[in-house]
Amino acid sequence: MAETTFTQLIAPGVTAAVSVSAINKHVFQVKVASIDTSVDVNIEGSLDGINYFSFKATDIQYTADGTYLIEENNIQVNFVRFRFVSELTLTAATIDVVYLGTA
């Protein structure tokens, strides 16, 4: 099992990566605050810790403040991270993410 609270994202970018070898169930608790219009996010995985791919084919868009769940099952990677892709209009949103991975 792996559990991590990432550093708050206050602008588009990525969190630090977490080593998750032998884990194939990935749960991200995403808290979005101070949203102006919308934010796009995604979760990413890597086998080598250098090259990352998106778990979701399209970015996930949130249009209201709140706490959301993103879950991926049956994907085994060595590293995961969270990406704040973009924010429409102003840049006031903050995103707090907690990760829990289990085998």
PDB file of N, CA and C in Angstrom:
ATOM      1  N   MET A   1       0.853  -1.179   0.000  1.00  0.00           N
ATOM      2  CA  MET A   1       0.000   0.000   0.000  1.00  0.00           C
ATOM      3  C   MET A   1       0.895   1.238   0.000  1.00  0.00           C
ATOM      4  N   ALA A   2       0.461   2.263  -0.715  1.00  0.00           N
ATOM      5  CA  ALA A   2       1.170   3.536  -0.737  1.00  0.00           C
ATOM      6  C   ALA A   2       0.160   4.649  -0.515  1.00  0.00           C
ATOM      7  N   GLU A   3       0.509   5.592   0.341  1.00  0.00           N
ATOM      8  CA  GLU A   3      -0.364   6.740   0.591  1.00  0.00           C
ATOM      9  C   GLU A   3       0.501   7.989   0.644  1.00  0.00           C
ATOM     10  N   THR A   4       0.054   9.039  -0.060  1.00  0.00           N
ATOM     11  CA  THR A   4       0.817  10.284  -0.133  1.00  0.00           C
ATOM     12  C   THR A   4      -0.128  11.466  -0.215  1.00  0.00           C
ATOM     13  N   THR A   5       0.211  12.538   0.496  1.00  0.00           N
ATOM     14  CA  THR A   5      -0.442  13.829   0.318  1.00  0.00           C
ATOM     15  C   THR A   5       0.536  14.694  -0.451  1.00  0.00           C
ATOM     16  N   PHE A   6       0.140  15.083  -1.662  1.00  0.00           N
ATOM     17  CA  PHE A   6       1.010  15.893  -2.507  1.00  0.00           C
ATOM     18  C   PHE A   6       1.010  17.353  -2.057  1.00  0.00           C
ATOM     19  N   THR A   7       2.055  18.074  -2.414  1.00  0.00           N
ATOM     20  CA  THR A   7       2.119  19.521  -2.190  1.00  0.00           C
ATOM     21  C   THR A   7       1.037  20.196  -3.029  1.00  0.00           C
ATOM     22  N   GLN A   8       0.361  21.183  -2.456  1.00  0.00           N
ATOM     23  CA  GLN A   8      -0.737  21.881  -3.136  1.00  0.00           C
ATOM     24  C   GLN A   8      -0.256  22.489  -4.456  1.00  0.00           C
ATOM     25  N   LEU A   9      -1.075  22.334  -5.488  1.00  0.00           N
ATOM     26  CA  LEU A   9      -0.805  22.953  -6.781  1.00  0.00           C
ATOM     27  C   LEU A   9      -1.596  24.252  -6.866  1.00  0.00           C
ATOM     28  N   ILE A  10      -0.910  25.353  -7.152  1.00  0.00           N
ATOM     29  CA  ILE A  10      -1.561  26.666  -7.254  1.00  0.00           C
ATOM     30  C   ILE A  10      -1.527  27.209  -8.680  1.00  0.00           C
ATOM     31  N   ALA A  11      -0.972  26.428  -9.597  1.00  0.00           N
ATOM     32  CA  ALA A  11      -0.895  26.780 -11.011  1.00  0.00           C
ATOM     33  C   ALA A  11      -0.709  25.487 -11.792  1.00  0.00           C
ATOM     34  N   PRO A  12      -0.964  25.507 -13.092  1.00  0.00           N
ATOM     35  CA  PRO A  12      -0.742  24.303 -13.879  1.00  0.00           C
ATOM     36  C   PRO A  12       0.685  23.770 -13.697  1.00  0.00           C
ATOM     37  N   GLY A  13       0.773  22.452 -13.594  1.00  0.00           N
ATOM     38  CA  GLY A  13       2.051  21.775 -13.387  1.00  0.00           C
ATOM     39  C   GLY A  13       1.798  20.382 -12.864  1.00  0.00           C
ATOM     40  N   VAL A  14       2.861  19.713 -12.386  1.00  0.00           N
ATOM     41  CA  VAL A  14       2.726  18.347 -11.883  1.00  0.00           C
ATOM     42  C   VAL A  14       3.255  18.240 -10.462  1.00  0.00           C
ATOM     43  N   THR A  15       2.737  17.247  -9.751  1.00  0.00           N
ATOM     44  CA  THR A  15       3.247  16.944  -8.417  1.00  0.00           C
ATOM     45  C   THR A  15       4.539  16.141  -8.559  1.00  0.00           C
ATOM     46  N   ALA A  16       5.190  15.922  -7.454  1.00  0.00           N
ATOM     47  CA  ALA A  16       6.302  14.978  -7.434  1.00  0.00           C
ATOM     48  C   ALA A  16       5.740  13.586  -7.719  1.00  0.00           C
ATOM     49  N   ALA A  17       6.570  12.709  -8.226  1.00  0.00           N
ATOM     50  CA  ALA A  17       6.147  11.342  -8.494  1.00  0.00           C
ATOM     51  C   ALA A  17       6.257  10.503  -7.226  1.00  0.00           C
ATOM     52  N   VAL A  18       5.416   9.479  -7.150  1.00  0.00           N
ATOM     53  CA  VAL A  18       5.426   8.534  -6.041  1.00  0.00           C
ATOM     54  C   VAL A  18       5.758   7.153  -6.593  1.00  0.00           C
ATOM     55  N   SER A  19       6.664   6.455  -5.951  1.00  0.00           N
ATOM     56  CA  SER A  19       7.004   5.093  -6.351  1.00  0.00           C
ATOM     57  C   SER A  19       5.894   4.147  -5.906  1.00  0.00           C
ATOM     58  N   VAL A  20       5.350   3.384  -6.852  1.00  0.00           N
ATOM     59  CA  VAL A  20       4.198   2.518  -6.555  1.00  0.00           C
ATOM     60  C   VAL A  20       4.349   1.126  -7.167  1.00  0.00           C
ATOM     61  N   SER A  21       5.541   0.603  -7.194  1.00  0.00           N
ATOM     62  CA  SER A  21       5.767  -0.744  -7.748  1.00  0.00           C
ATOM     63  C   SER A  21       4.866  -1.754  -7.045  1.00  0.00           C
ATOM     64  N   ALA A  22       4.351  -2.707  -7.797  1.00  0.00           N
ATOM     65  CA  ALA A  22       3.485  -3.785  -7.300  1.00  0.00           C
ATOM     66  C   ALA A  22       2.105  -3.293  -6.865  1.00  0.00           C
ATOM     67  N   ILE A  23       1.703  -2.114  -7.296  1.00  0.00           N
ATOM     68  CA  ILE A  23       0.373  -1.576  -6.973  1.00  0.00           C
ATOM     69  C   ILE A  23      -0.399  -1.429  -8.276  1.00  0.00           C
ATOM     70  N   ASN A  24      -1.666  -1.862  -8.286  1.00  0.00           N
ATOM     71  CA  ASN A  24      -2.442  -1.743  -9.519  1.00  0.00           C
ATOM     72  C   ASN A  24      -3.808  -1.081  -9.335  1.00  0.00           C
ATOM     73  N   LYS A  25      -4.094  -0.595  -8.136  1.00  0.00           N
ATOM     74  CA  LYS A  25      -5.317   0.172  -7.903  1.00  0.00           C
ATOM     75  C   LYS A  25      -4.903   1.549  -7.390  1.00  0.00           C
ATOM     76  N   HIS A  26      -5.296   2.578  -8.126  1.00  0.00           N
ATOM     77  CA  HIS A  26      -4.848   3.940  -7.839  1.00  0.00           C
ATOM     78  C   HIS A  26      -6.050   4.843  -7.586  1.00  0.00           C
ATOM     79  N   VAL A  27      -6.083   5.455  -6.412  1.00  0.00           N
ATOM     80  CA  VAL A  27      -7.186   6.336  -6.029  1.00  0.00           C
ATOM     81  C   VAL A  27      -6.611   7.714  -5.689  1.00  0.00           C
ATOM     82  N   PHE A  28      -7.168   8.739  -6.306  1.00  0.00           N
ATOM     83  CA  PHE A  28      -6.761  10.108  -6.055  1.00  0.00           C
ATOM     84  C   PHE A  28      -7.958  10.884  -5.507  1.00  0.00           C
ATOM     85  N   GLN A  29      -7.794  11.488  -4.348  1.00  0.00           N
ATOM     86  CA  GLN A  29      -8.810  12.392  -3.790  1.00  0.00           C
ATOM     87  C   GLN A  29      -8.359  13.804  -4.165  1.00  0.00           C
ATOM     88  N   VAL A  30      -9.191  14.503  -4.905  1.00  0.00           N
ATOM     89  CA  VAL A  30      -8.829  15.797  -5.475  1.00  0.00           C
ATOM     90  C   VAL A  30      -9.745  16.876  -4.901  1.00  0.00           C
ATOM     91  N   LYS A  31      -9.166  17.843  -4.195  1.00  0.00           N
ATOM     92  CA  LYS A  31      -9.942  18.950  -3.643  1.00  0.00           C
ATOM     93  C   LYS A  31      -9.599  20.218  -4.424  1.00  0.00           C
ATOM     94  N   VAL A  32     -10.615  20.766  -5.088  1.00  0.00           N
ATOM     95  CA  VAL A  32     -10.451  21.974  -5.893  1.00  0.00           C
ATOM     96  C   VAL A  32     -11.106  23.133  -5.162  1.00  0.00           C
ATOM     97  N   ALA A  33     -10.380  24.252  -5.048  1.00  0.00           N
ATOM     98  CA  ALA A  33     -10.909  25.439  -4.373  1.00  0.00           C
ATOM     99  C   ALA A  33     -10.602  26.687  -5.204  1.00  0.00           C
ATOM    100  N   SER A  34     -11.392  27.715  -4.988  1.00  0.00           N
ATOM    101  CA  SER A  34     -11.219  29.033  -5.635  1.00  0.00           C
ATOM    102  C   SER A  34     -11.259  28.954  -7.152  1.00  0.00           C
ATOM    103  N   ILE A  35     -12.128  28.095  -7.664  1.00  0.00           N
ATOM    104  CA  ILE A  35     -12.244  27.933  -9.115  1.00  0.00           C
ATOM    105  C   ILE A  35     -12.945  29.162  -9.694  1.00  0.00           C
ATOM    106  N   ASP A  36     -12.431  29.667 -10.804  1.00  0.00           N
ATOM    107  CA  ASP A  36     -13.075  30.803 -11.475  1.00  0.00           C
ATOM    108  C   ASP A  36     -14.057  30.317 -12.538  1.00  0.00           C
ATOM    109  N   THR A  37     -13.600  29.461 -13.417  1.00  0.00           N
ATOM    110  CA  THR A  37     -14.453  28.923 -14.475  1.00  0.00           C
ATOM    111  C   THR A  37     -14.360  27.406 -14.504  1.00  0.00           C
ATOM    112  N   SER A  38     -13.155  26.900 -14.805  1.00  0.00           N
ATOM    113  CA  SER A  38     -12.940  25.450 -14.814  1.00  0.00           C
ATOM    114  C   SER A  38     -11.452  25.145 -14.754  1.00  0.00           C
ATOM    115  N   VAL A  39     -11.135  23.932 -14.300  1.00  0.00           N
ATOM    116  CA  VAL A  39      -9.763  23.427 -14.336  1.00  0.00           C
ATOM    117  C   VAL A  39      -9.773  22.060 -15.006  1.00  0.00           C
ATOM    118  N   ASP A  40      -8.704  21.755 -15.721  1.00  0.00           N
ATOM    119  CA  ASP A  40      -8.517  20.447 -16.331  1.00  0.00           C
ATOM    120  C   ASP A  40      -7.370  19.757 -15.614  1.00  0.00           C
ATOM    121  N   VAL A  41      -7.550  18.470 -15.310  1.00  0.00           N
ATOM    122  CA  VAL A  41      -6.537  17.697 -14.586  1.00  0.00           C
ATOM    123  C   VAL A  41      -6.396  16.315 -15.234  1.00  0.00           C
ATOM    124  N   ASN A  42      -5.341  15.607 -14.845  1.00  0.00           N
ATOM    125  CA  ASN A  42      -5.173  14.227 -15.281  1.00  0.00           C
ATOM    126  C   ASN A  42      -4.231  13.528 -14.312  1.00  0.00           C
ATOM    127  N   ILE A  43      -4.231  12.215 -14.347  1.00  0.00           N
ATOM    128  CA  ILE A  43      -3.287  11.431 -13.557  1.00  0.00           C
ATOM    129  C   ILE A  43      -2.356  10.741 -14.531  1.00  0.00           C
ATOM    130  N   GLU A  44      -1.106  10.589 -14.104  1.00  0.00           N
ATOM    131  CA  GLU A  44      -0.093  10.063 -15.012  1.00  0.00           C
ATOM    132  C   GLU A  44       0.686   8.931 -14.368  1.00  0.00           C
ATOM    133  N   GLY A  45       1.168   8.017 -15.202  1.00  0.00           N
ATOM    134  CA  GLY A  45       1.988   6.913 -14.738  1.00  0.00           C
ATOM    135  C   GLY A  45       3.234   6.785 -15.580  1.00  0.00           C
ATOM    136  N   SER A  46       4.211   6.057 -15.049  1.00  0.00           N
ATOM    137  CA  SER A  46       5.476   5.855 -15.747  1.00  0.00           C
ATOM    138  C   SER A  46       6.076   4.514 -15.344  1.00  0.00           C
ATOM    139  N   LEU A  47       6.749   3.900 -16.274  1.00  0.00           N
ATOM    140  CA  LEU A  47       7.493   2.682 -15.967  1.00  0.00           C
ATOM    141  C   LEU A  47       8.922   2.999 -15.541  1.00  0.00           C
ATOM    142  N   ASP A  48       9.485   4.077 -16.088  1.00  0.00           N
ATOM    143  CA  ASP A  48      10.886   4.393 -15.839  1.00  0.00           C
ATOM    144  C   ASP A  48      11.132   5.637 -14.983  1.00  0.00           C
ATOM    145  N   GLY A  49      10.062   6.366 -14.600  1.00  0.00           N
ATOM    146  CA  GLY A  49      10.227   7.566 -13.795  1.00  0.00           C
ATOM    147  C   GLY A  49      10.671   8.775 -14.589  1.00  0.00           C
ATOM    148  N   ILE A  50      10.782   8.642 -15.900  1.00  0.00           N
ATOM    149  CA  ILE A  50      11.204   9.751 -16.759  1.00  0.00           C
ATOM    150  C   ILE A  50      10.111  10.112 -17.760  1.00  0.00           C
ATOM    151  N   ASN A  51       9.582   9.104 -18.420  1.00  0.00           N
ATOM    152  CA  ASN A  51       8.556   9.297 -19.442  1.00  0.00           C
ATOM    153  C   ASN A  51       7.193   8.933 -18.862  1.00  0.00           C
ATOM    154  N   TYR A  52       6.262   9.903 -18.871  1.00  0.00           N
ATOM    155  CA  TYR A  52       4.943   9.724 -18.260  1.00  0.00           C
ATOM    156  C   TYR A  52       3.852   9.711 -19.321  1.00  0.00           C
ATOM    157  N   PHE A  53       2.795   8.956 -19.047  1.00  0.00           N
ATOM    158  CA  PHE A  53       1.620   8.907 -19.910  1.00  0.00           C
ATOM    159  C   PHE A  53       0.388   9.175 -19.054  1.00  0.00           C
ATOM    160  N   SER A  54      -0.655   9.693 -19.689  1.00  0.00           N
ATOM    161  CA  SER A  54      -1.911   9.970 -18.998  1.00  0.00           C
ATOM    162  C   SER A  54      -2.700   8.680 -18.830  1.00  0.00           C
ATOM    163  N   PHE A  55      -3.255   8.462 -17.628  1.00  0.00           N
ATOM    164  CA  PHE A  55      -4.127   7.320 -17.410  1.00  0.00           C
ATOM    165  C   PHE A  55      -5.443   7.498 -18.160  1.00  0.00           C
ATOM    166  N   LYS A  56      -5.920   8.727 -18.217  1.00  0.00           N
ATOM    167  CA  LYS A  56      -7.199   9.027 -18.862  1.00  0.00           C
ATOM    168  C   LYS A  56      -6.940   9.534 -20.273  1.00  0.00           C
ATOM    169  N   ALA A  57      -7.745   9.071 -21.248  1.00  0.00           N
ATOM    170  CA  ALA A  57      -7.564   9.470 -22.640  1.00  0.00           C
ATOM    171  C   ALA A  57      -7.808  10.960 -22.841  1.00  0.00           C
ATOM    172  N   THR A  58      -8.722  11.516 -22.068  1.00  0.00           N
ATOM    173  CA  THR A  58      -8.982  12.953 -22.137  1.00  0.00           C
ATOM    174  C   THR A  58      -8.864  13.536 -20.733  1.00  0.00           C
ATOM    175  N   ASP A  59      -8.503  14.803 -20.662  1.00  0.00           N
ATOM    176  CA  ASP A  59      -8.377  15.465 -19.367  1.00  0.00           C
ATOM    177  C   ASP A  59      -9.730  15.506 -18.668  1.00  0.00           C
ATOM    178  N   ILE A  60      -9.703  15.545 -17.351  1.00  0.00           N
ATOM    179  CA  ILE A  60     -10.903  15.623 -16.525  1.00  0.00           C
ATOM    180  C   ILE A  60     -11.138  17.086 -16.202  1.00  0.00           C
ATOM    181  N   GLN A  61     -12.355  17.572 -16.412  1.00  0.00           N
ATOM    182  CA  GLN A  61     -12.655  18.979 -16.171  1.00  0.00           C
ATOM    183  C   GLN A  61     -13.593  19.137 -14.981  1.00  0.00           C
ATOM    184  N   TYR A  62     -13.222  20.037 -14.073  1.00  0.00           N
ATOM    185  CA  TYR A  62     -14.065  20.395 -12.936  1.00  0.00           C
ATOM    186  C   TYR A  62     -14.487  21.844 -13.089  1.00  0.00           C
ATOM    187  N   THR A  63     -15.768  22.111 -12.832  1.00  0.00           N
ATOM    188  CA  THR A  63     -16.300  23.460 -12.995  1.00  0.00           C
ATOM    189  C   THR A  63     -16.803  24.065 -11.687  1.00  0.00           C
ATOM    190  N   ALA A  64     -16.609  23.363 -10.581  1.00  0.00           N
ATOM    191  CA  ALA A  64     -17.053  23.862  -9.275  1.00  0.00           C
ATOM    192  C   ALA A  64     -16.082  23.407  -8.199  1.00  0.00           C
ATOM    193  N   ASP A  65     -15.973  24.206  -7.152  1.00  0.00           N
ATOM    194  CA  ASP A  65     -15.177  23.799  -6.000  1.00  0.00           C
ATOM    195  C   ASP A  65     -15.773  22.510  -5.428  1.00  0.00           C
ATOM    196  N   GLY A  66     -14.914  21.669  -4.888  1.00  0.00           N
ATOM    197  CA  GLY A  66     -15.401  20.439  -4.286  1.00  0.00           C
ATOM    198  C   GLY A  66     -14.301  19.415  -4.153  1.00  0.00           C
ATOM    199  N   THR A  67     -14.655  18.269  -3.602  1.00  0.00           N
ATOM    200  CA  THR A  67     -13.731  17.152  -3.462  1.00  0.00           C
ATOM    201  C   THR A  67     -14.210  16.042  -4.383  1.00  0.00           C
ATOM    202  N   TYR A  68     -13.296  15.543  -5.203  1.00  0.00           N
ATOM    203  CA  TYR A  68     -13.627  14.581  -6.246  1.00  0.00           C
ATOM    204  C   TYR A  68     -12.745  13.337  -6.131  1.00  0.00           C
ATOM    205  N   LEU A  69     -13.206  12.256  -6.725  1.00  0.00           N
ATOM    206  CA  LEU A  69     -12.477  10.989  -6.736  1.00  0.00           C
ATOM    207  C   LEU A  69     -12.090  10.654  -8.169  1.00  0.00           C
ATOM    208  N   ILE A  70     -10.824  10.263  -8.348  1.00  0.00           N
ATOM    209  CA  ILE A  70     -10.366   9.694  -9.616  1.00  0.00           C
ATOM    210  C   ILE A  70      -9.791   8.328  -9.277  1.00  0.00           C
ATOM    211  N   GLU A  71     -10.263   7.301  -9.986  1.00  0.00           N
ATOM    212  CA  GLU A  71      -9.828   5.937  -9.676  1.00  0.00           C
ATOM    213  C   GLU A  71      -9.431   5.213 -10.955  1.00  0.00           C
ATOM    214  N   GLU A  72      -8.342   4.477 -10.889  1.00  0.00           N
ATOM    215  CA  GLU A  72      -7.899   3.617 -11.991  1.00  0.00           C
ATOM    216  C   GLU A  72      -7.547   2.254 -11.422  1.00  0.00           C
ATOM    217  N   ASN A  73      -8.063   1.221 -12.020  1.00  0.00           N
ATOM    218  CA  ASN A  73      -7.800  -0.148 -11.582  1.00  0.00           C
ATOM    219  C   ASN A  73      -7.069  -0.926 -12.668  1.00  0.00           C
ATOM    220  N   ASN A  74      -6.320  -1.931 -12.251  1.00  0.00           N
ATOM    221  CA  ASN A  74      -5.645  -2.850 -13.162  1.00  0.00           C
ATOM    222  C   ASN A  74      -4.628  -2.181 -14.081  1.00  0.00           C
ATOM    223  N   ILE A  75      -3.967  -1.145 -13.563  1.00  0.00           N
ATOM    224  CA  ILE A  75      -2.851  -0.535 -14.278  1.00  0.00           C
ATOM    225  C   ILE A  75      -1.651  -0.589 -13.345  1.00  0.00           C
ATOM    226  N   GLN A  76      -0.651  -1.355 -13.747  1.00  0.00           N
ATOM    227  CA  GLN A  76       0.540  -1.459 -12.916  1.00  0.00           C
ATOM    228  C   GLN A  76       1.660  -0.642 -13.542  1.00  0.00           C
ATOM    229  N   VAL A  77       2.123   0.345 -12.801  1.00  0.00           N
ATOM    230  CA  VAL A  77       3.223   1.206 -13.194  1.00  0.00           C
ATOM    231  C   VAL A  77       4.187   1.301 -12.014  1.00  0.00           C
ATOM    232  N   ASN A  78       5.320   1.908 -12.230  1.00  0.00           N
ATOM    233  CA  ASN A  78       6.289   2.073 -11.150  1.00  0.00           C
ATOM    234  C   ASN A  78       6.188   3.430 -10.454  1.00  0.00           C
ATOM    235  N   PHE A  79       5.597   4.418 -11.144  1.00  0.00           N
ATOM    236  CA  PHE A  79       5.469   5.767 -10.593  1.00  0.00           C
ATOM    237  C   PHE A  79       4.131   6.370 -11.008  1.00  0.00           C
ATOM    238  N   VAL A  80       3.547   7.182 -10.125  1.00  0.00           N
ATOM    239  CA  VAL A  80       2.354   7.962 -10.462  1.00  0.00           C
ATOM    240  C   VAL A  80       2.579   9.410 -10.036  1.00  0.00           C
ATOM    241  N   ARG A  81       1.846  10.300 -10.684  1.00  0.00           N
ATOM    242  CA  ARG A  81       1.842  11.718 -10.308  1.00  0.00           C
ATOM    243  C   ARG A  81       0.531  12.325 -10.790  1.00  0.00           C
ATOM    244  N   PHE A  82       0.248  13.530 -10.317  1.00  0.00           N
ATOM    245  CA  PHE A  82      -0.990  14.237 -10.647  1.00  0.00           C
ATOM    246  C   PHE A  82      -0.626  15.468 -11.474  1.00  0.00           C
ATOM    247  N   ARG A  83      -1.393  15.730 -12.524  1.00  0.00           N
ATOM    248  CA  ARG A  83      -1.137  16.893 -13.380  1.00  0.00           C
ATOM    249  C   ARG A  83      -2.305  17.870 -13.345  1.00  0.00           C
ATOM    250  N   PHE A  84      -2.026  19.123 -12.994  1.00  0.00           N
ATOM    251  CA  PHE A  84      -2.949  20.253 -13.139  1.00  0.00           C
ATOM    252  C   PHE A  84      -2.663  20.768 -14.543  1.00  0.00           C
ATOM    253  N   VAL A  85      -3.548  20.443 -15.487  1.00  0.00           N
ATOM    254  CA  VAL A  85      -3.301  20.712 -16.900  1.00  0.00           C
ATOM    255  C   VAL A  85      -3.486  22.184 -17.230  1.00  0.00           C
ATOM    256  N   SER A  86      -4.645  22.739 -16.878  1.00  0.00           N
ATOM    257  CA  SER A  86      -4.914  24.136 -17.226  1.00  0.00           C
ATOM    258  C   SER A  86      -6.086  24.662 -16.416  1.00  0.00           C
ATOM    259  N   GLU A  87      -6.190  25.990 -16.438  1.00  0.00           N
ATOM    260  CA  GLU A  87      -7.322  26.669 -15.811  1.00  0.00           C
ATOM    261  C   GLU A  87      -7.853  27.689 -16.799  1.00  0.00           C
ATOM    262  N   LEU A  88      -9.146  27.675 -17.020  1.00  0.00           N
ATOM    263  CA  LEU A  88      -9.761  28.608 -17.954  1.00  0.00           C
ATOM    264  C   LEU A  88      -9.905  29.969 -17.287  1.00  0.00           C
ATOM    265  N   THR A  89      -9.588  31.006 -17.995  1.00  0.00           N
ATOM    266  CA  THR A  89      -9.631  32.414 -17.573  1.00  0.00           C
ATOM    267  C   THR A  89      -8.611  32.707 -16.477  1.00  0.00           C
ATOM    268  N   LEU A  90      -9.034  33.090 -15.307  1.00  0.00           N
ATOM    269  CA  LEU A  90      -8.107  33.507 -14.257  1.00  0.00           C
ATOM    270  C   LEU A  90      -7.345  32.312 -13.696  1.00  0.00           C
ATOM    271  N   THR A  91      -6.343  32.586 -12.866  1.00  0.00           N
ATOM    272  CA  THR A  91      -5.530  31.500 -12.298  1.00  0.00           C
ATOM    273  C   THR A  91      -5.553  31.559 -10.776  1.00  0.00           C
ATOM    274  N   ALA A  92      -6.727  31.383 -10.207  1.00  0.00           N
ATOM    275  CA  ALA A  92      -6.875  31.460  -8.750  1.00  0.00           C
ATOM    276  C   ALA A  92      -7.079  30.106  -8.089  1.00  0.00           C
ATOM    277  N   ALA A  93      -7.339  29.075  -8.875  1.00  0.00           N
ATOM    278  CA  ALA A  93      -7.673  27.767  -8.306  1.00  0.00           C
ATOM    279  C   ALA A  93      -6.487  27.144  -7.573  1.00  0.00           C
ATOM    280  N   THR A  94      -6.809  26.383  -6.523  1.00  0.00           N
ATOM    281  CA  THR A  94      -5.813  25.556  -5.841  1.00  0.00           C
ATOM    282  C   THR A  94      -6.315  24.118  -5.870  1.00  0.00           C
ATOM    283  N   ILE A  95      -5.367  23.192  -5.923  1.00  0.00           N
ATOM    284  CA  ILE A  95      -5.725  21.785  -5.973  1.00  0.00           C
ATOM    285  C   ILE A  95      -4.882  21.025  -4.956  1.00  0.00           C
ATOM    286  N   ASP A  96      -5.583  20.325  -4.054  1.00  0.00           N
ATOM    287  CA  ASP A  96      -4.932  19.463  -3.066  1.00  0.00           C
ATOM    288  C   ASP A  96      -5.264  18.023  -3.415  1.00  0.00           C
ATOM    289  N   VAL A  97      -4.241  17.172  -3.408  1.00  0.00           N
ATOM    290  CA  VAL A  97      -4.429  15.786  -3.848  1.00  0.00           C
ATOM    291  C   VAL A  97      -3.840  14.821  -2.820  1.00  0.00           C
ATOM    292  N   VAL A  98      -4.639  13.791  -2.498  1.00  0.00           N
ATOM    293  CA  VAL A  98      -4.178  12.691  -1.658  1.00  0.00           C
ATOM    294  C   VAL A  98      -4.264  11.435  -2.524  1.00  0.00           C
ATOM    295  N   TYR A  99      -3.198  10.638  -2.487  1.00  0.00           N
ATOM    296  CA  TYR A  99      -3.122   9.405  -3.288  1.00  0.00           C
ATOM    297  C   TYR A  99      -3.124   8.190  -2.366  1.00  0.00           C
ATOM    298  N   LEU A 100      -3.862   7.156  -2.771  1.00  0.00           N
ATOM    299  CA  LEU A 100      -3.839   5.872  -2.081  1.00  0.00           C
ATOM    300  C   LEU A 100      -3.748   4.788  -3.138  1.00  0.00           C
ATOM    301  N   GLY A 101      -2.743   3.939  -3.037  1.00  0.00           N
ATOM    302  CA  GLY A 101      -2.583   2.836  -3.964  1.00  0.00           C
ATOM    303  C   GLY A 101      -2.561   1.514  -3.229  1.00  0.00           C
ATOM    304  N   THR A 102      -3.244   0.510  -3.792  1.00  0.00           N
ATOM    305  CA  THR A 102      -3.258  -0.828  -3.199  1.00  0.00           C
ATOM    306  C   THR A 102      -3.065  -1.878  -4.286  1.00  0.00           C
ATOM    307  N   ALA A 103      -2.621  -3.042  -3.867  1.00  0.00           N
ATOM    308  CA  ALA A 103      -2.413  -4.145  -4.821  1.00  0.00           C
ATOM    309  C   ALA A 103      -3.707  -4.867  -5.082  1.00  0.00           C
TER     310      ALA A 103
END
